Amino acid sequence: MNRIKTLFILSLFFVLPACAQKQSKDKKNTMPEKIVKPDEEWKKVLTPMQFFVTRQHGTERPFTGEYDNFYEKGIYKCICCGTELFESDTKFDAGCGWPSFYDIKDNKNIKLIEDNSLGMKRIEVRCAKCDAHLGHVFPDGPEPTGLRYCINSVSLKFEKKDK
Protein backbone atom coordinates (compact mmCIF):
# COMPACT_ATOMS: atom_id res chain seq x y z
CA MET A 1 0.00 0.00 0.00
CA ASN A 2 2.84 2.42 0.80
CA ARG A 3 4.31 1.85 -2.63
CA ILE A 4 1.02 2.76 -4.33
CA LYS A 5 0.70 5.85 -2.16
CA THR A 6 4.28 6.88 -2.97
CA LEU A 7 3.68 6.44 -6.71
CA PHE A 8 0.51 8.51 -6.49
CA ILE A 9 2.30 11.30 -4.63
CA LEU A 10 5.18 11.29 -7.10
CA SER A 11 2.71 11.50 -9.97
CA LEU A 12 1.29 14.68 -8.43
CA PHE A 13 4.60 16.45 -8.95
CA PHE A 14 5.02 15.35 -12.55
CA VAL A 15 1.47 15.20 -13.88
CA LEU A 16 -0.31 18.09 -12.13
CA PRO A 17 1.99 20.88 -13.31
CA ALA A 18 1.54 19.67 -16.89
CA CYS A 19 -2.23 19.39 -16.46
CA ALA A 20 -2.45 22.84 -14.96
CA GLN A 21 -0.71 24.26 -18.00
CA LYS A 22 -3.26 22.66 -20.37
CA GLN A 23 -5.23 25.70 -21.54
CA SER A 24 -6.71 26.85 -24.82
CA LYS A 25 -4.20 28.34 -27.24
CA ASP A 26 -5.77 31.80 -27.15
CA LYS A 27 -4.75 32.32 -23.52
CA LYS A 28 -1.51 34.24 -23.13
CA ASN A 29 1.40 32.86 -21.12
CA THR A 30 3.05 36.13 -20.11
CA MET A 31 3.64 36.42 -16.39
CA PRO A 32 1.87 39.22 -14.51
CA GLU A 33 3.89 41.99 -12.88
CA LYS A 34 4.71 40.95 -9.31
CA ILE A 35 3.25 42.71 -6.27
CA VAL A 36 5.43 42.62 -3.15
CA LYS A 37 4.36 44.29 0.10
CA PRO A 38 5.51 43.94 3.69
CA ASP A 39 3.12 42.19 6.11
CA GLU A 40 2.17 45.49 7.75
CA GLU A 41 0.79 46.77 4.42
CA TRP A 42 -1.17 43.56 3.80
CA LYS A 43 -2.64 43.80 7.31
CA LYS A 44 -4.05 47.24 6.45
CA VAL A 45 -6.10 45.91 3.51
CA LEU A 46 -6.99 42.36 4.62
CA THR A 47 -9.12 41.03 7.46
CA PRO A 48 -7.26 38.95 10.06
CA MET A 49 -8.60 35.71 8.48
CA GLN A 50 -7.69 36.83 4.95
CA PHE A 51 -4.19 37.69 6.16
CA PHE A 52 -3.84 34.35 7.98
CA VAL A 53 -4.87 32.34 4.90
CA THR A 54 -3.25 34.31 2.08
CA ARG A 55 -0.06 35.57 3.70
CA GLN A 56 0.60 32.91 6.37
CA HIS A 57 -0.59 29.88 4.34
CA GLY A 58 -3.47 29.11 6.67
CA THR A 59 -6.77 27.36 5.98
CA GLU A 60 -10.29 28.39 6.82
CA ARG A 61 -12.53 25.79 8.47
CA PRO A 62 -14.45 23.65 5.97
CA PHE A 63 -18.10 24.53 5.22
CA THR A 64 -17.70 28.04 6.69
CA GLY A 65 -16.59 30.05 3.66
CA GLU A 66 -18.76 32.49 1.78
CA TYR A 67 -18.28 30.76 -1.59
CA ASP A 68 -18.61 27.09 -0.59
CA ASN A 69 -22.29 26.88 -1.65
CA PHE A 70 -22.32 29.90 -3.94
CA TYR A 71 -23.17 29.52 -7.63
CA GLU A 72 -23.70 32.92 -9.24
CA LYS A 73 -22.17 33.59 -12.65
CA GLY A 74 -18.96 35.60 -12.70
CA ILE A 75 -15.25 35.63 -12.00
CA TYR A 76 -13.38 34.73 -8.81
CA LYS A 77 -10.42 37.03 -8.21
CA CYS A 78 -7.52 37.11 -5.76
CA ILE A 79 -8.59 38.99 -2.62
CA CYS A 80 -5.11 40.53 -2.33
CA CYS A 81 -4.49 41.89 -5.83
CA GLY A 82 -7.62 41.35 -7.96
CA THR A 83 -6.02 38.93 -10.42
CA GLU A 84 -8.63 36.81 -12.22
CA LEU A 85 -8.28 33.21 -11.08
CA PHE A 86 -11.39 31.10 -11.75
CA GLU A 87 -14.61 31.34 -13.76
CA SER A 88 -17.92 30.32 -12.21
CA ASP A 89 -18.51 27.90 -15.11
CA THR A 90 -15.69 25.70 -13.76
CA LYS A 91 -16.96 25.65 -10.16
CA PHE A 92 -18.47 22.41 -8.84
CA ASP A 93 -19.63 20.94 -5.54
CA ALA A 94 -16.88 18.60 -4.40
CA GLY A 95 -18.47 18.16 -0.99
CA CYS A 96 -15.16 19.02 0.70
CA GLY A 97 -16.28 22.27 2.37
CA TRP A 98 -14.29 24.68 0.21
CA PRO A 99 -15.03 26.18 -3.20
CA SER A 100 -13.76 23.79 -5.86
CA PHE A 101 -12.94 24.43 -9.50
CA TYR A 102 -11.86 21.99 -12.22
CA ASP A 103 -9.91 24.58 -14.23
CA ILE A 104 -8.17 27.93 -13.91
CA LYS A 105 -9.03 31.05 -15.88
CA ASP A 106 -5.50 31.64 -17.16
CA ASN A 107 -2.41 29.57 -16.33
CA LYS A 108 -0.23 32.71 -16.09
CA ASN A 109 -2.22 33.80 -13.02
CA ILE A 110 -1.65 30.66 -10.94
CA LYS A 111 1.56 29.27 -9.49
CA LEU A 112 1.84 25.66 -8.26
CA ILE A 113 4.27 24.89 -5.44
CA GLU A 114 5.26 21.60 -3.79
CA ASP A 115 3.87 21.65 -0.23
CA ASN A 116 5.24 19.16 2.31
CA SER A 117 3.69 20.81 5.38
CA LEU A 118 1.66 18.95 8.02
CA GLY A 119 3.30 15.66 7.08
CA MET A 120 1.57 15.56 3.68
CA LYS A 121 2.75 15.93 0.11
CA ARG A 122 0.44 18.28 -1.75
CA ILE A 123 0.48 20.88 -4.50
CA GLU A 124 -0.18 24.39 -3.19
CA VAL A 125 -2.01 26.91 -5.40
CA ARG A 126 -0.81 30.52 -5.22
CA CYS A 127 -1.62 33.72 -7.05
CA ALA A 128 1.25 34.29 -9.49
CA LYS A 129 1.01 38.08 -9.15
CA CYS A 130 1.10 38.57 -5.36
CA ASP A 131 2.06 35.09 -4.10
CA ALA A 132 -1.13 34.75 -2.02
CA HIS A 133 -1.85 31.25 -0.73
CA LEU A 134 -5.16 30.17 -2.26
CA GLY A 135 -5.45 26.46 -1.46
CA HIS A 136 -4.35 23.17 -3.02
CA VAL A 137 -4.98 21.18 -6.19
CA PHE A 138 -5.81 17.46 -6.22
CA PRO A 139 -6.15 14.90 -9.04
CA ASP A 140 -9.72 13.87 -8.14
CA GLY A 141 -11.80 16.43 -10.01
CA PRO A 142 -14.25 16.03 -12.88
CA GLU A 143 -13.49 16.00 -16.58
CA PRO A 144 -12.25 17.62 -18.69
CA THR A 145 -9.17 18.24 -16.49
CA GLY A 146 -9.58 15.65 -13.72
CA LEU A 147 -8.34 18.31 -11.28
CA ARG A 148 -9.91 19.83 -8.17
CA TYR A 149 -8.62 23.24 -7.19
CA CYS A 150 -9.71 23.35 -3.53
CA ILE A 151 -9.62 27.06 -2.65
CA ASN A 152 -10.21 29.02 0.57
CA SER A 153 -13.20 31.38 0.23
CA VAL A 154 -11.39 34.16 2.09
CA SER A 155 -8.67 34.19 -0.56
CA LEU A 156 -11.25 35.08 -3.21
CA LYS A 157 -13.48 37.97 -4.15
CA PHE A 158 -16.32 37.42 -6.55
CA GLU A 159 -17.24 39.75 -9.41
CA LYS A 160 -20.70 39.12 -10.80
CA LYS A 161 -21.04 38.76 -14.57
CA ASP A 162 -23.22 41.37 -16.25
CA LYS A 163 -26.31 39.80 -17.80
C-alpha atoms as a PDB file:
ATOM      1  CA  MET A   1       0.000   0.000   0.000  1.00  0.00           C
ATOM      2  CA  ASN A   2       2.843   2.418   0.805  1.00  0.00           C
ATOM      3  CA  ARG A   3       4.310   1.852  -2.634  1.00  0.00           C
ATOM      4  CA  ILE A   4       1.016   2.764  -4.334  1.00  0.00           C
ATOM      5  CA  LYS A   5       0.700   5.848  -2.164  1.00  0.00           C
ATOM      6  CA  THR A   6       4.283   6.878  -2.971  1.00  0.00           C
ATOM      7  CA  LEU A   7       3.677   6.437  -6.713  1.00  0.00           C
ATOM      8  CA  PHE A   8       0.509   8.511  -6.486  1.00  0.00           C
ATOM      9  CA  ILE A   9       2.296  11.301  -4.629  1.00  0.00           C
ATOM     10  CA  LEU A  10       5.181  11.291  -7.101  1.00  0.00           C
ATOM     11  CA  SER A  11       2.709  11.500  -9.968  1.00  0.00           C
ATOM     12  CA  LEU A  12       1.292  14.684  -8.426  1.00  0.00           C
ATOM     13  CA  PHE A  13       4.597  16.454  -8.946  1.00  0.00           C
ATOM     14  CA  PHE A  14       5.021  15.351 -12.548  1.00  0.00           C
ATOM     15  CA  VAL A  15       1.465  15.202 -13.885  1.00  0.00           C
ATOM     16  CA  LEU A  16      -0.309  18.090 -12.134  1.00  0.00           C
ATOM     17  CA  PRO A  17       1.990  20.881 -13.312  1.00  0.00           C
ATOM     18  CA  ALA A  18       1.544  19.669 -16.891  1.00  0.00           C
ATOM     19  CA  CYS A  19      -2.232  19.391 -16.464  1.00  0.00           C
ATOM     20  CA  ALA A  20      -2.452  22.840 -14.958  1.00  0.00           C
ATOM     21  CA  GLN A  21      -0.706  24.260 -17.999  1.00  0.00           C
ATOM     22  CA  LYS A  22      -3.264  22.664 -20.368  1.00  0.00           C
ATOM     23  CA  GLN A  23      -5.233  25.702 -21.545  1.00  0.00           C
ATOM     24  CA  SER A  24      -6.712  26.851 -24.816  1.00  0.00           C
ATOM     25  CA  LYS A  25      -4.205  28.339 -27.244  1.00  0.00           C
ATOM     26  CA  ASP A  26      -5.774  31.798 -27.152  1.00  0.00           C
ATOM     27  CA  LYS A  27      -4.754  32.317 -23.521  1.00  0.00           C
ATOM     28  CA  LYS A  28      -1.512  34.242 -23.128  1.00  0.00           C
ATOM     29  CA  ASN A  29       1.397  32.859 -21.124  1.00  0.00           C
ATOM     30  CA  THR A  30       3.048  36.131 -20.113  1.00  0.00           C
ATOM     31  CA  MET A  31       3.641  36.422 -16.387  1.00  0.00           C
ATOM     32  CA  PRO A  32       1.873  39.223 -14.515  1.00  0.00           C
ATOM     33  CA  GLU A  33       3.886  41.986 -12.884  1.00  0.00           C
ATOM     34  CA  LYS A  34       4.708  40.955  -9.306  1.00  0.00           C
ATOM     35  CA  ILE A  35       3.248  42.711  -6.267  1.00  0.00           C
ATOM     36  CA  VAL A  36       5.433  42.620  -3.152  1.00  0.00           C
ATOM     37  CA  LYS A  37       4.363  44.287   0.098  1.00  0.00           C
ATOM     38  CA  PRO A  38       5.513  43.939   3.693  1.00  0.00           C
ATOM     39  CA  ASP A  39       3.119  42.194   6.107  1.00  0.00           C
ATOM     40  CA  GLU A  40       2.172  45.492   7.746  1.00  0.00           C
ATOM     41  CA  GLU A  41       0.790  46.767   4.425  1.00  0.00           C
ATOM     42  CA  TRP A  42      -1.167  43.559   3.801  1.00  0.00           C
ATOM     43  CA  LYS A  43      -2.639  43.803   7.309  1.00  0.00           C
ATOM     44  CA  LYS A  44      -4.049  47.238   6.447  1.00  0.00           C
ATOM     45  CA  VAL A  45      -6.097  45.910   3.505  1.00  0.00           C
ATOM     46  CA  LEU A  46      -6.989  42.358   4.621  1.00  0.00           C
ATOM     47  CA  THR A  47      -9.124  41.033   7.459  1.00  0.00           C
ATOM     48  CA  PRO A  48      -7.261  38.952  10.056  1.00  0.00           C
ATOM     49  CA  MET A  49      -8.599  35.712   8.482  1.00  0.00           C
ATOM     50  CA  GLN A  50      -7.691  36.832   4.951  1.00  0.00           C
ATOM     51  CA  PHE A  51      -4.190  37.686   6.156  1.00  0.00           C
ATOM     52  CA  PHE A  52      -3.838  34.348   7.981  1.00  0.00           C
ATOM     53  CA  VAL A  53      -4.872  32.341   4.903  1.00  0.00           C
ATOM     54  CA  THR A  54      -3.249  34.307   2.083  1.00  0.00           C
ATOM     55  CA  ARG A  55      -0.058  35.573   3.702  1.00  0.00           C
ATOM     56  CA  GLN A  56       0.595  32.907   6.369  1.00  0.00           C
ATOM     57  CA  HIS A  57      -0.591  29.884   4.343  1.00  0.00           C
ATOM     58  CA  GLY A  58      -3.473  29.106   6.670  1.00  0.00           C
ATOM     59  CA  THR A  59      -6.768  27.356   5.979  1.00  0.00           C
ATOM     60  CA  GLU A  60     -10.295  28.385   6.819  1.00  0.00           C
ATOM     61  CA  ARG A  61     -12.531  25.790   8.470  1.00  0.00           C
ATOM     62  CA  PRO A  62     -14.454  23.650   5.967  1.00  0.00           C
ATOM     63  CA  PHE A  63     -18.097  24.528   5.216  1.00  0.00           C
ATOM     64  CA  THR A  64     -17.699  28.036   6.694  1.00  0.00           C
ATOM     65  CA  GLY A  65     -16.593  30.048   3.660  1.00  0.00           C
ATOM     66  CA  GLU A  66     -18.760  32.494   1.781  1.00  0.00           C
ATOM     67  CA  TYR A  67     -18.277  30.757  -1.586  1.00  0.00           C
ATOM     68  CA  ASP A  68     -18.612  27.089  -0.594  1.00  0.00           C
ATOM     69  CA  ASN A  69     -22.292  26.877  -1.650  1.00  0.00           C
ATOM     70  CA  PHE A  70     -22.319  29.897  -3.945  1.00  0.00           C
ATOM     71  CA  TYR A  71     -23.167  29.515  -7.632  1.00  0.00           C
ATOM     72  CA  GLU A  72     -23.704  32.917  -9.243  1.00  0.00           C
ATOM     73  CA  LYS A  73     -22.172  33.594 -12.651  1.00  0.00           C
ATOM     74  CA  GLY A  74     -18.964  35.595 -12.700  1.00  0.00           C
ATOM     75  CA  ILE A  75     -15.247  35.629 -12.000  1.00  0.00           C
ATOM     76  CA  TYR A  76     -13.380  34.734  -8.807  1.00  0.00           C
ATOM     77  CA  LYS A  77     -10.416  37.026  -8.213  1.00  0.00           C
ATOM     78  CA  CYS A  78      -7.524  37.112  -5.763  1.00  0.00           C
ATOM     79  CA  ILE A  79      -8.586  38.988  -2.615  1.00  0.00           C
ATOM     80  CA  CYS A  80      -5.112  40.529  -2.335  1.00  0.00           C
ATOM     81  CA  CYS A  81      -4.491  41.887  -5.829  1.00  0.00           C
ATOM     82  CA  GLY A  82      -7.616  41.355  -7.958  1.00  0.00           C
ATOM     83  CA  THR A  83      -6.022  38.933 -10.416  1.00  0.00           C
ATOM     84  CA  GLU A  84      -8.632  36.810 -12.225  1.00  0.00           C
ATOM     85  CA  LEU A  85      -8.278  33.206 -11.075  1.00  0.00           C
ATOM     86  CA  PHE A  86     -11.392  31.105 -11.748  1.00  0.00           C
ATOM     87  CA  GLU A  87     -14.608  31.340 -13.762  1.00  0.00           C
ATOM     88  CA  SER A  88     -17.916  30.320 -12.213  1.00  0.00           C
ATOM     89  CA  ASP A  89     -18.513  27.899 -15.108  1.00  0.00           C
ATOM     90  CA  THR A  90     -15.693  25.699 -13.764  1.00  0.00           C
ATOM     91  CA  LYS A  91     -16.964  25.646 -10.159  1.00  0.00           C
ATOM     92  CA  PHE A  92     -18.472  22.414  -8.845  1.00  0.00           C
ATOM     93  CA  ASP A  93     -19.627  20.941  -5.545  1.00  0.00           C
ATOM     94  CA  ALA A  94     -16.876  18.596  -4.399  1.00  0.00           C
ATOM     95  CA  GLY A  95     -18.469  18.161  -0.986  1.00  0.00           C
ATOM     96  CA  CYS A  96     -15.164  19.021   0.697  1.00  0.00           C
ATOM     97  CA  GLY A  97     -16.276  22.265   2.373  1.00  0.00           C
ATOM     98  CA  TRP A  98     -14.288  24.675   0.211  1.00  0.00           C
ATOM     99  CA  PRO A  99     -15.030  26.181  -3.202  1.00  0.00           C
ATOM    100  CA  SER A 100     -13.759  23.788  -5.862  1.00  0.00           C
ATOM    101  CA  PHE A 101     -12.942  24.432  -9.498  1.00  0.00           C
ATOM    102  CA  TYR A 102     -11.856  21.995 -12.222  1.00  0.00           C
ATOM    103  CA  ASP A 103      -9.905  24.577 -14.231  1.00  0.00           C
ATOM    104  CA  ILE A 104      -8.166  27.929 -13.906  1.00  0.00           C
ATOM    105  CA  LYS A 105      -9.027  31.047 -15.879  1.00  0.00           C
ATOM    106  CA  ASP A 106      -5.502  31.637 -17.158  1.00  0.00           C
ATOM    107  CA  ASN A 107      -2.410  29.575 -16.330  1.00  0.00           C
ATOM    108  CA  LYS A 108      -0.233  32.707 -16.092  1.00  0.00           C
ATOM    109  CA  ASN A 109      -2.220  33.805 -13.022  1.00  0.00           C
ATOM    110  CA  ILE A 110      -1.652  30.664 -10.936  1.00  0.00           C
ATOM    111  CA  LYS A 111       1.557  29.265  -9.487  1.00  0.00           C
ATOM    112  CA  LEU A 112       1.843  25.657  -8.259  1.00  0.00           C
ATOM    113  CA  ILE A 113       4.268  24.886  -5.436  1.00  0.00           C
ATOM    114  CA  GLU A 114       5.260  21.601  -3.791  1.00  0.00           C
ATOM    115  CA  ASP A 115       3.872  21.649  -0.233  1.00  0.00           C
ATOM    116  CA  ASN A 116       5.240  19.162   2.313  1.00  0.00           C
ATOM    117  CA  SER A 117       3.692  20.810   5.378  1.00  0.00           C
ATOM    118  CA  LEU A 118       1.661  18.954   8.015  1.00  0.00           C
ATOM    119  CA  GLY A 119       3.301  15.656   7.084  1.00  0.00           C
ATOM    120  CA  MET A 120       1.574  15.564   3.682  1.00  0.00           C
ATOM    121  CA  LYS A 121       2.746  15.925   0.106  1.00  0.00           C
ATOM    122  CA  ARG A 122       0.439  18.276  -1.754  1.00  0.00           C
ATOM    123  CA  ILE A 123       0.476  20.878  -4.497  1.00  0.00           C
ATOM    124  CA  GLU A 124      -0.183  24.389  -3.193  1.00  0.00           C
ATOM    125  CA  VAL A 125      -2.014  26.908  -5.397  1.00  0.00           C
ATOM    126  CA  ARG A 126      -0.809  30.517  -5.218  1.00  0.00           C
ATOM    127  CA  CYS A 127      -1.616  33.717  -7.051  1.00  0.00           C
ATOM    128  CA  ALA A 128       1.253  34.292  -9.485  1.00  0.00           C
ATOM    129  CA  LYS A 129       1.009  38.076  -9.148  1.00  0.00           C
ATOM    130  CA  CYS A 130       1.102  38.572  -5.358  1.00  0.00           C
ATOM    131  CA  ASP A 131       2.060  35.086  -4.105  1.00  0.00           C
ATOM    132  CA  ALA A 132      -1.130  34.747  -2.017  1.00  0.00           C
ATOM    133  CA  HIS A 133      -1.846  31.247  -0.733  1.00  0.00           C
ATOM    134  CA  LEU A 134      -5.164  30.175  -2.262  1.00  0.00           C
ATOM    135  CA  GLY A 135      -5.453  26.465  -1.459  1.00  0.00           C
ATOM    136  CA  HIS A 136      -4.353  23.169  -3.021  1.00  0.00           C
ATOM    137  CA  VAL A 137      -4.982  21.176  -6.188  1.00  0.00           C
ATOM    138  CA  PHE A 138      -5.812  17.456  -6.221  1.00  0.00           C
ATOM    139  CA  PRO A 139      -6.148  14.895  -9.037  1.00  0.00           C
ATOM    140  CA  ASP A 140      -9.721  13.872  -8.142  1.00  0.00           C
ATOM    141  CA  GLY A 141     -11.798  16.431 -10.015  1.00  0.00           C
ATOM    142  CA  PRO A 142     -14.254  16.025 -12.879  1.00  0.00           C
ATOM    143  CA  GLU A 143     -13.493  16.004 -16.583  1.00  0.00           C
ATOM    144  CA  PRO A 144     -12.247  17.621 -18.695  1.00  0.00           C
ATOM    145  CA  THR A 145      -9.173  18.245 -16.486  1.00  0.00           C
ATOM    146  CA  GLY A 146      -9.580  15.653 -13.717  1.00  0.00           C
ATOM    147  CA  LEU A 147      -8.335  18.313 -11.281  1.00  0.00           C
ATOM    148  CA  ARG A 148      -9.911  19.831  -8.169  1.00  0.00           C
ATOM    149  CA  TYR A 149      -8.619  23.242  -7.188  1.00  0.00           C
ATOM    150  CA  CYS A 150      -9.706  23.351  -3.531  1.00  0.00           C
ATOM    151  CA  ILE A 151      -9.621  27.058  -2.651  1.00  0.00           C
ATOM    152  CA  ASN A 152     -10.213  29.016   0.566  1.00  0.00           C
ATOM    153  CA  SER A 153     -13.205  31.377   0.225  1.00  0.00           C
ATOM    154  CA  VAL A 154     -11.394  34.158   2.087  1.00  0.00           C
ATOM    155  CA  SER A 155      -8.666  34.188  -0.557  1.00  0.00           C
ATOM    156  CA  LEU A 156     -11.247  35.085  -3.207  1.00  0.00           C
ATOM    157  CA  LYS A 157     -13.475  37.970  -4.145  1.00  0.00           C
ATOM    158  CA  PHE A 158     -16.315  37.418  -6.550  1.00  0.00           C
ATOM    159  CA  GLU A 159     -17.238  39.746  -9.407  1.00  0.00           C
ATOM    160  CA  LYS A 160     -20.700  39.123 -10.805  1.00  0.00           C
ATOM    161  CA  LYS A 161     -21.045  38.761 -14.571  1.00  0.00           C
ATOM    162  CA  ASP A 162     -23.215  41.371 -16.252  1.00  0.00           C
ATOM    163  CA  LYS A 163     -26.314  39.798 -17.796  1.00  0.00           C
END
